[in-house]
Amino acid sequence: MSATVILSPAAAAETVCHEEQLRIWADDVISALGMENYLNFSSYADKVDMEHIVMREIKSIIESAFDHPEARTIKRL
């Protein structure tokens, strides 16, 4: 099996972040916010809590992206 080598992170992101995958990730973030009842925050503390939830989800998304089969062929310069 031959692999295509992607030479730049931008090209890798373009390959990994296709529309279907972006929809899945967006749903993950929206669902997490909805389940924690932070879609409508009424205080600064709620805003800080929402920020932590988003940070957690972004970290999970980035880890998923680097573990994506297409990302395994990125050549680091």
C-alpha atoms as a PDB file:
ATOM      1  CA  MET A   1       0.000   0.000   0.000  1.00  0.00           C
ATOM      2  CA  SER A   2       1.507   3.348  -0.982  1.00  0.00           C
ATOM      3  CA  ALA A   3       0.849   6.560   0.913  1.00  0.00           C
ATOM      4  CA  THR A   4       0.743  10.107  -0.330  1.00  0.00           C
ATOM      5  CA  VAL A   5       3.146  12.336   1.576  1.00  0.00           C
ATOM      6  CA  ILE A   6       1.619  15.688   2.532  1.00  0.00           C
ATOM      7  CA  LEU A   7       4.342  18.278   2.991  1.00  0.00           C
ATOM      8  CA  SER A   8       2.538  21.051   4.865  1.00  0.00           C
ATOM      9  CA  PRO A   9       0.221  21.206   7.874  1.00  0.00           C
ATOM     10  CA  ALA A  10      -2.160  23.416   5.850  1.00  0.00           C
ATOM     11  CA  ALA A  11      -2.471  20.730   3.182  1.00  0.00           C
ATOM     12  CA  ALA A  12      -2.907  18.096   5.883  1.00  0.00           C
ATOM     13  CA  ALA A  13      -5.636  20.163   7.546  1.00  0.00           C
ATOM     14  CA  GLU A  14      -7.373  20.573   4.190  1.00  0.00           C
ATOM     15  CA  THR A  15      -7.312  16.783   3.729  1.00  0.00           C
ATOM     16  CA  VAL A  16      -8.326  15.847   7.284  1.00  0.00           C
ATOM     17  CA  CYS A  17     -10.884  18.614   7.834  1.00  0.00           C
ATOM     18  CA  HIS A  18     -13.307  17.692   5.085  1.00  0.00           C
ATOM     19  CA  GLU A  19     -16.944  18.769   5.423  1.00  0.00           C
ATOM     20  CA  GLU A  20     -18.246  15.513   6.909  1.00  0.00           C
ATOM     21  CA  GLN A  21     -15.531  15.454   9.585  1.00  0.00           C
ATOM     22  CA  LEU A  22     -16.054  19.140  10.387  1.00  0.00           C
ATOM     23  CA  ARG A  23     -19.769  18.497  10.896  1.00  0.00           C
ATOM     24  CA  ILE A  24     -18.990  15.660  13.304  1.00  0.00           C
ATOM     25  CA  TRP A  25     -16.568  17.846  15.277  1.00  0.00           C
ATOM     26  CA  ALA A  26     -18.982  20.793  15.311  1.00  0.00           C
ATOM     27  CA  ASP A  27     -21.709  18.523  16.652  1.00  0.00           C
ATOM     28  CA  ASP A  28     -19.331  17.330  19.395  1.00  0.00           C
ATOM     29  CA  VAL A  29     -18.713  20.912  20.545  1.00  0.00           C
ATOM     30  CA  ILE A  30     -22.355  21.990  20.289  1.00  0.00           C
ATOM     31  CA  SER A  31     -23.536  18.842  22.083  1.00  0.00           C
ATOM     32  CA  ALA A  32     -21.038  19.316  24.902  1.00  0.00           C
ATOM     33  CA  LEU A  33     -22.140  22.926  25.375  1.00  0.00           C
ATOM     34  CA  GLY A  34     -25.804  21.963  25.284  1.00  0.00           C
ATOM     35  CA  MET A  35     -25.373  19.076  27.739  1.00  0.00           C
ATOM     36  CA  GLU A  36     -23.612  21.401  30.190  1.00  0.00           C
ATOM     37  CA  ASN A  37     -26.370  24.050  29.781  1.00  0.00           C
ATOM     38  CA  TYR A  38     -23.917  26.741  28.653  1.00  0.00           C
ATOM     39  CA  LEU A  39     -25.444  27.771  25.368  1.00  0.00           C
ATOM     40  CA  ASN A  40     -27.008  30.751  27.178  1.00  0.00           C
ATOM     41  CA  PHE A  41     -24.758  31.921  29.986  1.00  0.00           C
ATOM     42  CA  SER A  42     -25.849  34.657  32.367  1.00  0.00           C
ATOM     43  CA  SER A  43     -22.712  35.360  34.385  1.00  0.00           C
ATOM     44  CA  TYR A  44     -18.971  35.725  33.955  1.00  0.00           C
ATOM     45  CA  ALA A  45     -18.440  32.423  35.794  1.00  0.00           C
ATOM     46  CA  ASP A  46     -20.650  30.697  33.216  1.00  0.00           C
ATOM     47  CA  LYS A  47     -18.533  32.229  30.444  1.00  0.00           C
ATOM     48  CA  VAL A  48     -15.344  30.915  32.089  1.00  0.00           C
ATOM     49  CA  ASP A  49     -16.900  27.454  32.476  1.00  0.00           C
ATOM     50  CA  MET A  50     -17.952  27.511  28.812  1.00  0.00           C
ATOM     51  CA  GLU A  51     -14.417  28.436  27.807  1.00  0.00           C
ATOM     52  CA  HIS A  52     -13.055  25.399  29.677  1.00  0.00           C
ATOM     53  CA  ILE A  53     -15.553  23.111  27.968  1.00  0.00           C
ATOM     54  CA  VAL A  54     -14.588  24.481  24.546  1.00  0.00           C
ATOM     55  CA  MET A  55     -10.867  24.135  25.345  1.00  0.00           C
ATOM     56  CA  ARG A  56     -11.412  20.488  26.350  1.00  0.00           C
ATOM     57  CA  GLU A  57     -13.336  19.752  23.173  1.00  0.00           C
ATOM     58  CA  ILE A  58     -10.793  21.502  20.942  1.00  0.00           C
ATOM     59  CA  LYS A  59      -8.009  19.424  22.504  1.00  0.00           C
ATOM     60  CA  SER A  60     -10.002  16.291  21.776  1.00  0.00           C
ATOM     61  CA  ILE A  61     -10.578  17.433  18.189  1.00  0.00           C
ATOM     62  CA  ILE A  62      -6.881  18.163  17.616  1.00  0.00           C
ATOM     63  CA  GLU A  63      -5.904  14.775  19.032  1.00  0.00           C
ATOM     64  CA  SER A  64      -8.429  13.138  16.713  1.00  0.00           C
ATOM     65  CA  ALA A  65      -7.042  15.071  13.743  1.00  0.00           C
ATOM     66  CA  PHE A  66      -3.463  13.976  14.392  1.00  0.00           C
ATOM     67  CA  ASP A  67      -4.678  10.397  14.819  1.00  0.00           C
ATOM     68  CA  HIS A  68      -6.661  10.531  11.560  1.00  0.00           C
ATOM     69  CA  PRO A  69      -5.341   8.084   8.929  1.00  0.00           C
ATOM     70  CA  GLU A  70      -4.683  10.949   6.484  1.00  0.00           C
ATOM     71  CA  ALA A  71      -2.535  12.776   9.079  1.00  0.00           C
ATOM     72  CA  ARG A  72      -0.149   9.820   9.409  1.00  0.00           C
ATOM     73  CA  THR A  73       1.449  10.752   6.096  1.00  0.00           C
ATOM     74  CA  ILE A  74       2.503  14.309   7.063  1.00  0.00           C
ATOM     75  CA  LYS A  75       6.223  14.807   6.561  1.00  0.00           C
ATOM     76  CA  ARG A  76       7.646  17.163   9.169  1.00  0.00           C
ATOM     77  CA  LEU A  77      10.265  19.515   7.751  1.00  0.00           C
END
